[in-house]
Amino acid sequence: MNLKTWLLAATALGLAGAAHAQSGDDVIKIGVLNDQSGLYADISGQGSVWAARKAVEDFGAAAKGMKVEVIFADHQNKPDVGSNIARQWFDRDNVDLIVDVPTSSVALAVNDVTRQKNKVFINSGAATSDLTGKACSPNTVHWTYDTWALANGTGKAVVQSGGKTWFFLTADYAFGHALERDTKAVVEANGGKVLGAVRTPFPGTDFSSFLLQAQASKAQIIGLANAGGDTINSVKQAEEFGITAGGQNLAALLMFVSDVHALGLKTAQGLIYTDPWYWDQNDNNRAFAKEFAAGNKGSHPGMTHAGVYAGVLHYLKAVEALKKEGKNESDGSVVVAKMKEIPTDDRLFGKGTVRADGRKVHPMYLWEVKKPSESKGPWDYLKLRATIPVDQAFRPLDQGECPLVKKT
């Protein structure tokens, strides 16, 4: 859906045009900006819109006298489209908060616009650790995961289990570059060696020539520094070429439960990946998944959807706290400062904190995809291999070069 089509639809649905408190209407407007139709639609898309609206409902905004609207748009995985929508939302449509934004290049662009306009950006979908590093902003919170956490989880585990030599298939944009960089550092720090890498078009469909280069390298591990449809196609084509049957192994450096669903357990079995949230991990997650499935044609939520829900909930708590204190809740940097001040606490991620660099911290988990014989039913795909505690899950605060972090 292009921007013009979305605006027409939004007007027809009565979603656009509400004014913010500064115009006297006291409406909090949340914009879900993501991929609605491309290779990241399953990991974000309408599922994230549902999650944002569910957070508003569970917060009890209406009962508290808070008017909250949720709108959405498709950034088409293009930084120029994403930044233009963000500017229009902030300047014309009085959007207060943008959430989700998979595709790191788009997220970095929206990060800049949000800072310029002094609004709020809660990222759940993009991975680049630069959002809490050199590109950190007083207006941005990075909620769910990042490339450092993925590298530290999957990369370290694979090297320590014997995967010493690596070759990367890297999506040729900000996310892929950051994931390769962060994983390479972990591999080498743990005694491994990177034999080579190849940059692949984004998005891509035919990975055959790149996989053949990886095969020719004779590396033990082929690291997939890609995501969504690119990961799915890479894994399928690696199987078709007999790469894994030939003794090389794949490391899916970013994977989602929807990817496993698309691949099927026969193809995906044995893959190891890092994820902070799985629908079947506990009773709270299972209850959320049941609600999500009812509203999303039986599909199950992934970590991005969980992060949108939790991030929106924490944002509303911060706005509510500022209202009670008589402070300016329309000042984005003030809202984010309050989000860092008050502890996070929600049913999906539990208790936690948002650090000075904007990084939301929580445990990460190392998962293995089950064999078909181990699955007890639909969407029962993962088994836990290890828990990575909070103090090890994300890059240390003093190592990200974020200018918001005070030197000691």
Protein backbone atom coordinates (compact mmCIF):
# COMPACT_ATOMS: atom_id res chain seq x y z
CA MET A 1 0.00 0.00 0.00
CA ASN A 2 1.56 3.34 -1.03
CA LEU A 3 1.29 6.49 1.06
CA LYS A 4 -1.49 8.05 -1.02
CA THR A 5 -3.62 4.90 -0.78
CA TRP A 6 -3.02 4.67 2.94
CA LEU A 7 -4.03 8.29 3.52
CA LEU A 8 -7.29 7.78 1.65
CA ALA A 9 -8.01 4.64 3.65
CA ALA A 10 -7.08 6.35 6.90
CA THR A 11 -9.44 9.23 6.19
CA ALA A 12 -12.26 6.87 5.30
CA LEU A 13 -11.77 5.03 8.55
CA GLY A 14 -11.61 8.21 10.56
CA LEU A 15 -8.06 7.48 11.64
CA ALA A 16 -6.43 10.69 10.47
CA GLY A 17 -6.72 14.32 11.40
CA ALA A 18 -7.06 14.25 15.18
CA ALA A 19 -5.17 17.05 16.91
CA HIS A 20 -2.80 16.76 19.82
CA ALA A 21 -3.17 18.41 23.23
CA GLN A 22 -1.52 21.54 21.89
CA SER A 23 -4.57 21.99 19.63
CA GLY A 24 -6.93 21.42 22.53
CA ASP A 25 -8.16 17.92 21.63
CA ASP A 26 -5.87 15.98 24.01
CA VAL A 27 -5.42 12.99 21.70
CA ILE A 28 -2.37 10.74 21.92
CA LYS A 29 -1.66 9.46 18.45
CA ILE A 30 0.51 6.38 17.84
CA GLY A 31 1.79 5.52 14.37
CA VAL A 32 2.81 1.96 13.57
CA LEU A 33 5.31 2.25 10.73
CA ASN A 34 6.41 -1.02 9.18
CA ASP A 35 6.33 -3.42 6.26
CA GLN A 36 2.71 -4.16 5.41
CA SER A 37 3.23 -6.04 2.17
CA GLY A 38 6.84 -7.17 1.67
CA LEU A 39 9.33 -9.66 3.05
CA TYR A 40 8.98 -8.37 6.66
CA ALA A 41 5.17 -8.24 6.71
CA ASP A 42 4.88 -11.49 8.68
CA ILE A 43 7.23 -10.34 11.43
CA SER A 44 5.62 -6.90 11.70
CA GLY A 45 2.71 -5.88 9.45
CA GLN A 46 -0.83 -5.94 10.76
CA GLY A 47 0.30 -8.02 13.73
CA SER A 48 2.13 -5.01 15.11
CA VAL A 49 -0.91 -2.79 14.55
CA TRP A 50 -2.99 -5.28 16.54
CA ALA A 51 -0.33 -5.37 19.28
CA ALA A 52 -0.30 -1.57 19.62
CA ARG A 53 -4.08 -1.42 19.86
CA LYS A 54 -4.09 -4.28 22.37
CA ALA A 55 -1.61 -2.38 24.55
CA VAL A 56 -3.90 0.67 24.53
CA GLU A 57 -6.84 -1.55 25.49
CA ASP A 58 -4.96 -3.36 28.27
CA PHE A 59 -3.64 -0.06 29.64
CA GLY A 60 -7.24 1.02 30.11
CA ALA A 61 -6.76 4.34 28.36
CA ALA A 62 -10.47 5.00 27.85
CA ALA A 63 -11.31 4.30 31.49
CA LYS A 64 -8.54 6.72 32.51
CA GLY A 65 -9.93 9.47 30.30
CA MET A 66 -7.02 9.26 27.84
CA LYS A 67 -7.87 9.45 24.15
CA VAL A 68 -5.49 7.28 22.14
CA GLU A 69 -5.55 6.54 18.41
CA VAL A 70 -3.43 4.02 16.50
CA ILE A 71 -2.74 4.52 12.80
CA PHE A 72 -0.38 2.70 10.46
CA ALA A 73 1.53 2.99 7.19
CA ASP A 74 3.77 0.88 4.95
CA HIS A 75 7.35 2.16 4.66
CA GLN A 76 8.07 -0.38 1.88
CA ASN A 77 11.50 -1.01 3.45
CA LYS A 78 12.72 2.27 1.91
CA PRO A 79 14.43 4.92 4.09
CA ASP A 80 13.13 7.84 1.99
CA VAL A 81 9.55 6.57 2.19
CA GLY A 82 9.84 5.94 5.92
CA SER A 83 11.35 9.33 6.74
CA ASN A 84 8.77 11.15 4.60
CA ILE A 85 5.90 9.40 6.35
CA ALA A 86 7.47 10.21 9.73
CA ARG A 87 7.76 13.91 8.86
CA GLN A 88 4.19 14.07 7.62
CA TRP A 89 2.92 12.26 10.71
CA PHE A 90 4.77 14.61 13.05
CA ASP A 91 4.16 17.85 11.13
CA ARG A 92 0.63 17.42 9.82
CA ASP A 93 -1.06 14.53 11.59
CA ASN A 94 0.14 15.28 15.14
CA VAL A 95 1.54 11.81 15.76
CA ASP A 96 3.29 11.60 19.14
CA LEU A 97 4.90 8.17 18.93
CA ILE A 98 6.19 5.97 16.10
CA VAL A 99 6.62 2.26 16.85
CA ASP A 100 8.00 -0.89 15.23
CA VAL A 101 9.94 0.12 12.04
CA PRO A 102 11.68 -3.05 10.85
CA THR A 103 14.54 -2.51 8.37
CA SER A 104 17.52 -0.83 10.02
CA SER A 105 18.13 1.72 7.28
CA VAL A 106 14.55 2.97 7.69
CA ALA A 107 14.82 2.93 11.48
CA LEU A 108 17.99 5.04 11.40
CA ALA A 109 16.25 7.57 9.15
CA VAL A 110 13.16 7.70 11.40
CA ASN A 111 15.48 8.00 14.41
CA ASP A 112 16.89 11.23 12.93
CA VAL A 113 13.49 12.70 12.05
CA THR A 114 12.11 11.90 15.50
CA ARG A 115 14.97 13.70 17.17
CA GLN A 116 14.57 16.74 14.91
CA LYS A 117 10.85 16.95 15.72
CA ASN A 118 11.29 16.09 19.42
CA LYS A 119 8.79 13.24 19.32
CA VAL A 120 9.15 9.59 20.48
CA PHE A 121 10.33 6.51 18.59
CA ILE A 122 10.12 3.02 20.13
CA ASN A 123 11.85 0.56 17.85
CA SER A 124 10.91 -3.09 17.98
CA GLY A 125 11.47 -4.37 14.45
CA ALA A 126 14.93 -3.13 13.42
CA ALA A 127 18.11 -4.76 14.66
CA THR A 128 21.06 -2.40 14.25
CA SER A 129 22.85 -1.83 17.55
CA ASP A 130 23.84 1.62 16.26
CA LEU A 131 20.44 2.88 17.51
CA THR A 132 21.88 2.71 21.03
CA GLY A 133 25.45 3.35 19.90
CA LYS A 134 26.76 6.22 17.82
CA ALA A 135 23.25 7.03 16.54
CA CYS A 136 21.59 7.01 19.98
CA SER A 137 19.00 9.71 20.62
CA PRO A 138 17.21 11.17 23.66
CA ASN A 139 13.98 10.49 21.75
CA THR A 140 14.46 6.80 20.94
CA VAL A 141 14.03 3.55 22.87
CA HIS A 142 15.24 0.28 21.32
CA TRP A 143 13.02 -2.35 22.85
CA THR A 144 13.26 -5.94 21.68
CA TYR A 145 16.63 -7.10 20.32
CA ASP A 146 19.66 -5.88 18.41
CA THR A 147 22.59 -7.14 16.36
CA TRP A 148 24.96 -7.21 19.35
CA ALA A 149 22.55 -9.43 21.31
CA LEU A 150 22.04 -11.76 18.33
CA ALA A 151 25.78 -12.06 17.74
CA ASN A 152 26.51 -12.57 21.42
CA GLY A 153 23.84 -15.27 21.67
CA THR A 154 23.98 -17.30 18.48
CA GLY A 155 27.54 -16.52 17.36
CA LYS A 156 29.11 -17.28 20.71
CA ALA A 157 27.13 -20.50 21.18
CA VAL A 158 28.01 -21.82 17.73
CA VAL A 159 31.74 -21.08 18.10
CA GLN A 160 31.87 -22.63 21.55
CA SER A 161 30.20 -25.77 20.23
CA GLY A 162 32.89 -26.22 17.56
CA GLY A 163 31.92 -23.94 14.67
CA LYS A 164 35.27 -22.20 14.34
CA THR A 165 35.36 -21.10 10.70
CA TRP A 166 32.68 -18.82 9.23
CA PHE A 167 31.49 -17.37 5.93
CA PHE A 168 28.74 -14.71 5.88
CA LEU A 169 25.82 -14.15 3.53
CA THR A 170 25.04 -10.54 4.37
CA ALA A 171 22.02 -8.47 3.35
CA ASP A 172 23.53 -5.38 1.74
CA TYR A 173 22.11 -2.62 3.94
CA ALA A 174 22.56 -1.23 7.46
CA PHE A 175 21.11 -4.24 9.30
CA GLY A 176 23.17 -6.87 7.49
CA HIS A 177 26.37 -4.85 7.82
CA ALA A 178 25.84 -4.35 11.57
CA LEU A 179 24.99 -8.01 12.15
CA GLU A 180 28.04 -9.23 10.25
CA ARG A 181 30.24 -6.73 12.12
CA ASP A 182 28.94 -7.68 15.55
CA THR A 183 29.02 -11.43 14.87
CA LYS A 184 32.53 -11.30 13.40
CA ALA A 185 33.75 -9.61 16.59
CA VAL A 186 32.20 -12.35 18.74
CA VAL A 187 33.53 -15.17 16.52
CA GLU A 188 37.08 -13.82 16.64
CA ALA A 189 36.93 -13.04 20.36
CA ASN A 190 36.04 -16.68 21.00
CA GLY A 191 38.85 -18.14 18.91
CA GLY A 192 37.04 -18.49 15.59
CA LYS A 193 38.00 -17.21 12.14
CA VAL A 194 36.01 -15.54 9.37
CA LEU A 195 37.05 -16.89 5.96
CA GLY A 196 34.98 -14.49 3.89
CA ALA A 197 31.68 -12.78 3.24
CA VAL A 198 29.46 -11.83 0.35
CA ARG A 199 26.92 -9.00 0.20
CA THR A 200 23.52 -10.02 -1.17
CA PRO A 201 20.87 -7.73 -2.73
CA PHE A 202 18.05 -6.62 -0.44
CA PRO A 203 15.48 -7.96 -0.79
CA GLY A 204 16.65 -11.07 -2.61
CA THR A 205 15.13 -14.20 -4.09
CA ASP A 206 17.97 -16.12 -5.71
CA PHE A 207 20.87 -16.84 -3.35
CA SER A 208 22.37 -19.68 -5.40
CA SER A 209 25.59 -17.97 -6.50
CA PHE A 210 26.23 -16.64 -3.00
CA LEU A 211 25.62 -20.03 -1.41
CA LEU A 212 28.02 -21.63 -3.87
CA GLN A 213 30.70 -19.14 -2.80
CA ALA A 214 30.03 -20.04 0.81
CA GLN A 215 30.21 -23.73 -0.04
CA ALA A 216 33.52 -23.24 -1.87
CA SER A 217 35.01 -21.50 1.19
CA LYS A 218 34.69 -24.80 3.09
CA ALA A 219 33.77 -22.81 6.21
CA GLN A 220 32.14 -24.91 8.89
CA ILE A 221 29.45 -22.28 9.46
CA ILE A 222 27.54 -20.20 6.94
CA GLY A 223 26.27 -17.21 8.89
CA LEU A 224 23.02 -15.79 7.53
CA ALA A 225 23.15 -12.06 8.25
CA ASN A 226 19.68 -11.50 6.83
CA ALA A 227 16.07 -11.80 7.95
CA GLY A 228 12.49 -12.63 7.02
CA GLY A 229 11.96 -13.78 3.45
CA ASP A 230 15.70 -13.58 2.73
CA THR A 231 16.46 -16.03 5.53
CA ILE A 232 13.67 -18.36 4.42
CA ASN A 233 14.96 -18.42 0.84
CA SER A 234 18.58 -18.87 1.95
CA VAL A 235 17.75 -21.88 4.12
CA LYS A 236 15.56 -23.51 1.45
CA GLN A 237 18.16 -23.06 -1.27
CA ALA A 238 20.99 -24.29 0.97
CA GLU A 239 19.02 -27.49 1.45
CA GLU A 240 18.39 -27.79 -2.28
CA PHE A 241 22.12 -27.50 -2.98
CA GLY A 242 22.90 -30.15 -0.38
CA ILE A 243 25.10 -27.77 1.57
CA THR A 244 24.05 -28.94 5.02
CA ALA A 245 24.06 -32.57 3.87
CA GLY A 246 27.66 -31.95 2.79
CA GLY A 247 28.75 -31.12 6.33
CA GLN A 248 28.49 -27.32 6.48
CA ASN A 249 26.02 -25.82 8.96
CA LEU A 250 23.83 -22.73 8.81
CA ALA A 251 23.68 -20.15 11.59
CA ALA A 252 20.47 -18.14 11.36
CA LEU A 253 21.62 -14.94 13.03
CA LEU A 254 18.15 -13.42 13.03
CA MET A 255 15.13 -15.63 12.86
CA PHE A 256 11.48 -15.40 13.83
CA VAL A 257 8.92 -18.04 14.71
CA SER A 258 7.03 -17.06 11.54
CA ASP A 259 10.15 -17.99 9.53
CA VAL A 260 10.16 -21.44 11.12
CA HIS A 261 6.47 -21.75 10.30
CA ALA A 262 7.15 -20.85 6.66
CA LEU A 263 10.06 -23.29 6.38
CA GLY A 264 8.41 -26.19 8.19
CA LEU A 265 10.14 -28.32 10.81
CA LYS A 266 11.52 -30.79 8.27
CA THR A 267 13.66 -28.03 6.75
CA ALA A 268 14.26 -25.85 9.81
CA GLN A 269 14.96 -28.57 12.40
CA GLY A 270 18.18 -28.12 14.33
CA LEU A 271 18.62 -24.42 13.54
CA ILE A 272 19.80 -22.44 16.55
CA TYR A 273 18.90 -18.81 17.03
CA THR A 274 18.52 -16.10 19.66
CA ASP A 275 15.17 -14.56 20.59
CA PRO A 276 14.01 -12.71 23.74
CA TRP A 277 10.40 -13.87 23.52
CA TYR A 278 8.58 -17.07 22.51
CA TRP A 279 4.84 -17.52 22.63
CA ASP A 280 4.93 -20.91 24.42
CA GLN A 281 7.44 -19.93 27.10
CA ASN A 282 5.00 -19.26 29.95
CA ASP A 283 1.30 -18.78 30.73
CA ASN A 284 1.32 -15.02 30.09
CA ASN A 285 2.87 -15.48 26.65
CA ARG A 286 0.45 -18.27 25.80
CA ALA A 287 -2.53 -16.12 26.78
CA PHE A 288 -1.25 -13.26 24.62
CA ALA A 289 -0.68 -15.66 21.71
CA LYS A 290 -4.23 -16.96 21.99
CA GLU A 291 -5.60 -13.41 21.82
CA PHE A 292 -3.26 -12.56 18.95
CA ALA A 293 -4.23 -15.66 16.97
CA ALA A 294 -7.92 -14.81 17.36
CA GLY A 295 -7.30 -11.37 15.85
CA ASN A 296 -4.80 -12.44 13.18
CA LYS A 297 -6.29 -15.42 11.36
CA GLY A 298 -4.59 -18.01 13.55
CA SER A 299 -1.06 -16.64 13.15
CA HIS A 300 1.11 -16.55 16.27
CA PRO A 301 3.05 -13.53 17.53
CA GLY A 302 6.79 -13.14 17.37
CA MET A 303 9.20 -11.02 19.35
CA THR A 304 8.56 -7.89 17.26
CA HIS A 305 4.85 -7.97 18.05
CA ALA A 306 5.59 -8.57 21.73
CA GLY A 307 7.98 -5.62 21.73
CA VAL A 308 5.41 -3.30 20.15
CA TYR A 309 2.87 -4.27 22.80
CA ALA A 310 5.28 -3.82 25.71
CA GLY A 311 6.80 -0.61 24.35
CA VAL A 312 3.45 1.08 23.81
CA LEU A 313 2.30 0.05 27.28
CA HIS A 314 5.40 1.56 28.90
CA TYR A 315 5.05 4.74 26.85
CA LEU A 316 1.47 5.21 28.06
CA LYS A 317 2.57 4.66 31.66
CA ALA A 318 5.21 7.38 31.23
CA VAL A 319 2.69 9.80 29.71
CA GLU A 320 0.25 9.10 32.54
CA ALA A 321 2.98 9.74 35.13
CA LEU A 322 3.91 13.04 33.51
CA LYS A 323 0.27 14.15 33.45
CA LYS A 324 -0.02 13.48 37.18
CA GLU A 325 3.15 15.48 37.78
CA GLY A 326 1.85 18.35 35.66
CA LYS A 327 4.75 18.05 33.22
CA ASN A 328 4.75 18.41 29.44
CA GLU A 329 3.89 15.00 28.01
CA SER A 330 4.05 16.36 24.44
CA ASP A 331 7.83 16.86 24.76
CA GLY A 332 9.33 13.68 23.33
CA SER A 333 12.64 13.84 25.18
CA VAL A 334 10.78 14.38 28.46
CA VAL A 335 8.62 11.31 27.82
CA VAL A 336 11.64 9.14 27.00
CA ALA A 337 13.43 10.41 30.10
CA LYS A 338 10.41 9.31 32.14
CA MET A 339 10.46 5.93 30.40
CA LYS A 340 14.05 5.54 31.56
CA GLU A 341 13.20 6.70 35.06
CA ILE A 342 10.33 4.34 35.83
CA PRO A 343 10.87 0.56 35.78
CA THR A 344 9.31 -1.45 32.98
CA ASP A 345 6.76 -4.06 34.00
CA ASP A 346 4.46 -5.87 31.60
CA ARG A 347 3.07 -9.35 31.16
CA LEU A 348 5.30 -10.25 28.23
CA PHE A 349 8.78 -9.12 29.28
CA GLY A 350 8.27 -8.77 33.03
CA LYS A 351 10.20 -6.28 35.09
CA GLY A 352 13.13 -4.41 33.63
CA THR A 353 14.64 -1.04 32.77
CA VAL A 354 15.45 1.29 29.89
CA ARG A 355 19.11 2.33 30.04
CA ALA A 356 20.58 5.77 29.48
CA ASP A 357 21.42 4.87 25.87
CA GLY A 358 17.79 3.93 25.19
CA ARG A 359 18.42 0.18 25.28
CA LYS A 360 15.60 -1.79 26.95
CA VAL A 361 17.32 -4.70 28.70
CA HIS A 362 15.94 -8.14 29.51
CA PRO A 363 17.17 -11.73 29.24
CA MET A 364 17.76 -13.26 25.81
CA TYR A 365 17.24 -16.92 25.05
CA LEU A 366 19.01 -19.41 22.80
CA TRP A 367 16.49 -21.66 21.03
CA GLU A 368 16.75 -24.77 18.88
CA VAL A 369 14.13 -25.67 16.29
CA LYS A 370 12.48 -28.98 17.15
CA LYS A 371 12.45 -32.09 15.03
CA PRO A 372 9.03 -32.88 13.54
CA SER A 373 8.72 -35.79 15.95
CA GLU A 374 9.20 -33.46 18.94
CA SER A 375 6.43 -31.02 18.05
CA LYS A 376 3.11 -31.52 19.81
CA GLY A 377 1.05 -29.36 17.49
CA PRO A 378 0.80 -26.23 15.31
CA TRP A 379 3.34 -23.51 16.16
CA ASP A 380 5.10 -25.78 18.71
CA TYR A 381 8.49 -25.24 17.16
CA LEU A 382 11.18 -24.35 19.70
CA LYS A 383 13.02 -25.81 22.66
CA LEU A 384 15.16 -23.79 25.03
CA ARG A 385 18.91 -24.39 24.99
CA ALA A 386 20.17 -21.60 27.22
CA THR A 387 19.16 -18.41 29.04
CA ILE A 388 21.40 -15.37 28.60
CA PRO A 389 20.99 -13.21 31.72
CA VAL A 390 20.31 -9.48 31.57
CA ASP A 391 23.87 -8.47 32.42
CA GLN A 392 25.21 -10.49 29.47
CA ALA A 393 22.42 -10.18 26.93
CA PHE A 394 23.19 -6.71 25.56
CA ARG A 395 26.30 -4.66 24.84
CA PRO A 396 27.78 -3.11 28.00
CA LEU A 397 26.62 0.47 28.44
CA ASP A 398 30.13 1.91 28.26
CA GLN A 399 31.05 0.19 24.97
CA GLY A 400 28.47 1.60 22.58
CA GLU A 401 29.91 5.09 22.11
CA CYS A 402 26.51 6.63 22.80
CA PRO A 403 26.98 10.35 23.58
CA LEU A 404 24.10 10.18 26.10
CA VAL A 405 26.14 7.93 28.39
CA LYS A 406 28.14 9.89 30.91
CA LYS A 407 31.78 8.89 31.16
CA THR A 408 32.97 7.77 34.61
